[in-house]
C-alpha cells in the first residue's frame, strides 16, 4: 500500500474513532488507535471503564468495528490489542 493511501486511511479511521469516542467517554472509557496493519486490520485498545468490562467485546465488534467499517470500507476488521 502506498504511503499516501496509508495516511488517508489512518486519518479516516481516526475521524471515525473521534465520532464514537464521546459515547465511550460517557461511560467512563476511551479508545486508542494502536496500529493499522498492512492487511487493513485496525488494532485498538479500550481504556478506562471499557478496559476489562464484560461487554467490551460487544462494544468493540458491534459499535467500534461497525462505525469504522461504515466510514472506511477498506478496513477488514477491528481487533483488541
C-alpha atoms as a PDB file:
ATOM      1  CA  UNK A   1       0.000   0.000   0.000  1.00  0.00           C
ATOM      2  CA  UNK A   2       1.262   3.460  -0.874  1.00  0.00           C
ATOM      3  CA  UNK A   3       2.216   5.820   1.933  1.00  0.00           C
ATOM      4  CA  UNK A   4      -0.357   8.413   0.827  1.00  0.00           C
ATOM      5  CA  UNK A   5      -3.099   5.750   0.838  1.00  0.00           C
ATOM      6  CA  UNK A   6      -1.999   4.601   4.288  1.00  0.00           C
ATOM      7  CA  UNK A   7      -2.079   8.174   5.624  1.00  0.00           C
ATOM      8  CA  UNK A   8      -5.528   8.756   4.158  1.00  0.00           C
ATOM      9  CA  UNK A   9      -6.922   5.551   5.657  1.00  0.00           C
ATOM     10  CA  UNK A  10      -5.336   6.335   9.033  1.00  0.00           C
ATOM     11  CA  UNK A  11      -6.899   9.804   9.056  1.00  0.00           C
ATOM     12  CA  UNK A  12     -10.320   8.371   8.174  1.00  0.00           C
ATOM     13  CA  UNK A  13     -10.037   5.778  10.955  1.00  0.00           C
ATOM     14  CA  UNK A  14      -9.029   8.493  13.450  1.00  0.00           C
ATOM     15  CA  UNK A  15     -12.053  10.582  12.429  1.00  0.00           C
ATOM     16  CA  UNK A  16     -14.351   7.560  12.880  1.00  0.00           C
ATOM     17  CA  UNK A  17     -12.877   6.942  16.343  1.00  0.00           C
ATOM     18  CA  UNK A  18     -13.352  10.614  17.224  1.00  0.00           C
ATOM     19  CA  UNK A  19     -17.052  10.285  16.321  1.00  0.00           C
ATOM     20  CA  UNK A  20     -17.622   7.336  18.649  1.00  0.00           C
ATOM     21  CA  UNK A  21     -15.266   8.440  21.427  1.00  0.00           C
ATOM     22  CA  UNK A  22     -17.909  10.596  23.219  1.00  0.00           C
ATOM     23  CA  UNK A  23     -20.135   7.529  23.667  1.00  0.00           C
ATOM     24  CA  UNK A  24     -17.287   5.593  25.259  1.00  0.00           C
ATOM     25  CA  UNK A  25     -16.291   8.548  27.414  1.00  0.00           C
ATOM     26  CA  UNK A  26     -19.861   8.963  28.666  1.00  0.00           C
ATOM     27  CA  UNK A  27     -19.443   5.523  30.291  1.00  0.00           C
ATOM     28  CA  UNK A  28     -16.002   6.378  31.713  1.00  0.00           C
ATOM     29  CA  UNK A  29     -13.985   4.722  28.951  1.00  0.00           C
ATOM     30  CA  UNK A  30     -11.988   5.653  25.894  1.00  0.00           C
ATOM     31  CA  UNK A  31     -10.208   4.107  22.927  1.00  0.00           C
ATOM     32  CA  UNK A  32      -6.690   4.343  21.486  1.00  0.00           C
ATOM     33  CA  UNK A  33      -5.635   3.559  17.937  1.00  0.00           C
ATOM     34  CA  UNK A  34      -2.634   1.237  18.184  1.00  0.00           C
ATOM     35  CA  UNK A  35      -1.993   0.451  14.524  1.00  0.00           C
ATOM     36  CA  UNK A  36      -3.437  -0.321  11.139  1.00  0.00           C
ATOM     37  CA  UNK A  37      -1.840  -3.473   9.788  1.00  0.00           C
ATOM     38  CA  UNK A  38      -0.721  -3.961   6.183  1.00  0.00           C
ATOM     39  CA  UNK A  39      -3.715  -6.261   5.645  1.00  0.00           C
ATOM     40  CA  UNK A  40      -6.049  -3.445   6.822  1.00  0.00           C
ATOM     41  CA  UNK A  41      -6.973  -4.654  10.273  1.00  0.00           C
ATOM     42  CA  UNK A  42      -7.280  -1.946  12.912  1.00  0.00           C
ATOM     43  CA  UNK A  43      -5.795  -2.635  16.344  1.00  0.00           C
ATOM     44  CA  UNK A  44      -7.263  -0.592  19.163  1.00  0.00           C
ATOM     45  CA  UNK A  45      -7.057  -0.539  22.934  1.00  0.00           C
ATOM     46  CA  UNK A  46     -10.096   0.129  25.093  1.00  0.00           C
ATOM     47  CA  UNK A  47      -9.147   2.109  28.191  1.00  0.00           C
ATOM     48  CA  UNK A  48     -10.739   3.364  31.380  1.00  0.00           C
ATOM     49  CA  UNK A  49     -14.015   1.717  32.343  1.00  0.00           C
ATOM     50  CA  UNK A  50     -14.145  -0.033  28.948  1.00  0.00           C
ATOM     51  CA  UNK A  51     -10.955  -1.984  29.678  1.00  0.00           C
ATOM     52  CA  UNK A  52     -11.976  -5.272  31.227  1.00  0.00           C
ATOM     53  CA  UNK A  53     -15.696  -4.553  31.003  1.00  0.00           C
ATOM     54  CA  UNK A  54     -17.736  -7.723  30.379  1.00  0.00           C
ATOM     55  CA  UNK A  55     -19.337  -6.000  27.374  1.00  0.00           C
ATOM     56  CA  UNK A  56     -16.082  -4.754  25.838  1.00  0.00           C
ATOM     57  CA  UNK A  57     -16.049  -7.320  23.005  1.00  0.00           C
ATOM     58  CA  UNK A  58     -19.638  -6.456  22.127  1.00  0.00           C
ATOM     59  CA  UNK A  59     -18.733  -2.756  22.159  1.00  0.00           C
ATOM     60  CA  UNK A  60     -15.695  -3.460  20.010  1.00  0.00           C
ATOM     61  CA  UNK A  61     -17.477  -5.538  17.367  1.00  0.00           C
ATOM     62  CA  UNK A  62     -20.997  -4.095  17.304  1.00  0.00           C
ATOM     63  CA  UNK A  63     -20.035  -0.496  17.967  1.00  0.00           C
ATOM     64  CA  UNK A  64     -16.466   0.388  17.113  1.00  0.00           C
ATOM     65  CA  UNK A  65     -15.910  -2.038  14.216  1.00  0.00           C
ATOM     66  CA  UNK A  66     -19.209  -1.191  12.529  1.00  0.00           C
ATOM     67  CA  UNK A  67     -18.592   2.549  12.856  1.00  0.00           C
ATOM     68  CA  UNK A  68     -15.098   2.286  11.378  1.00  0.00           C
ATOM     69  CA  UNK A  69     -16.107  -0.005   8.510  1.00  0.00           C
ATOM     70  CA  UNK A  70     -19.055   2.267   7.678  1.00  0.00           C
ATOM     71  CA  UNK A  71     -16.644   5.218   7.395  1.00  0.00           C
ATOM     72  CA  UNK A  72     -13.679   3.312   5.908  1.00  0.00           C
ATOM     73  CA  UNK A  73     -14.937   0.296   3.913  1.00  0.00           C
ATOM     74  CA  UNK A  74     -11.374  -0.780   3.092  1.00  0.00           C
ATOM     75  CA  UNK A  75     -10.905  -1.914   6.710  1.00  0.00           C
ATOM     76  CA  UNK A  76     -11.390  -5.647   7.188  1.00  0.00           C
ATOM     77  CA  UNK A  77     -11.790  -5.854  10.979  1.00  0.00           C
ATOM     78  CA  UNK A  78     -11.134  -4.191  14.307  1.00  0.00           C
ATOM     79  CA  UNK A  79      -9.254  -6.164  16.933  1.00  0.00           C
ATOM     80  CA  UNK A  80      -8.284  -5.523  20.516  1.00  0.00           C
ATOM     81  CA  UNK A  81      -4.575  -5.038  21.123  1.00  0.00           C
END
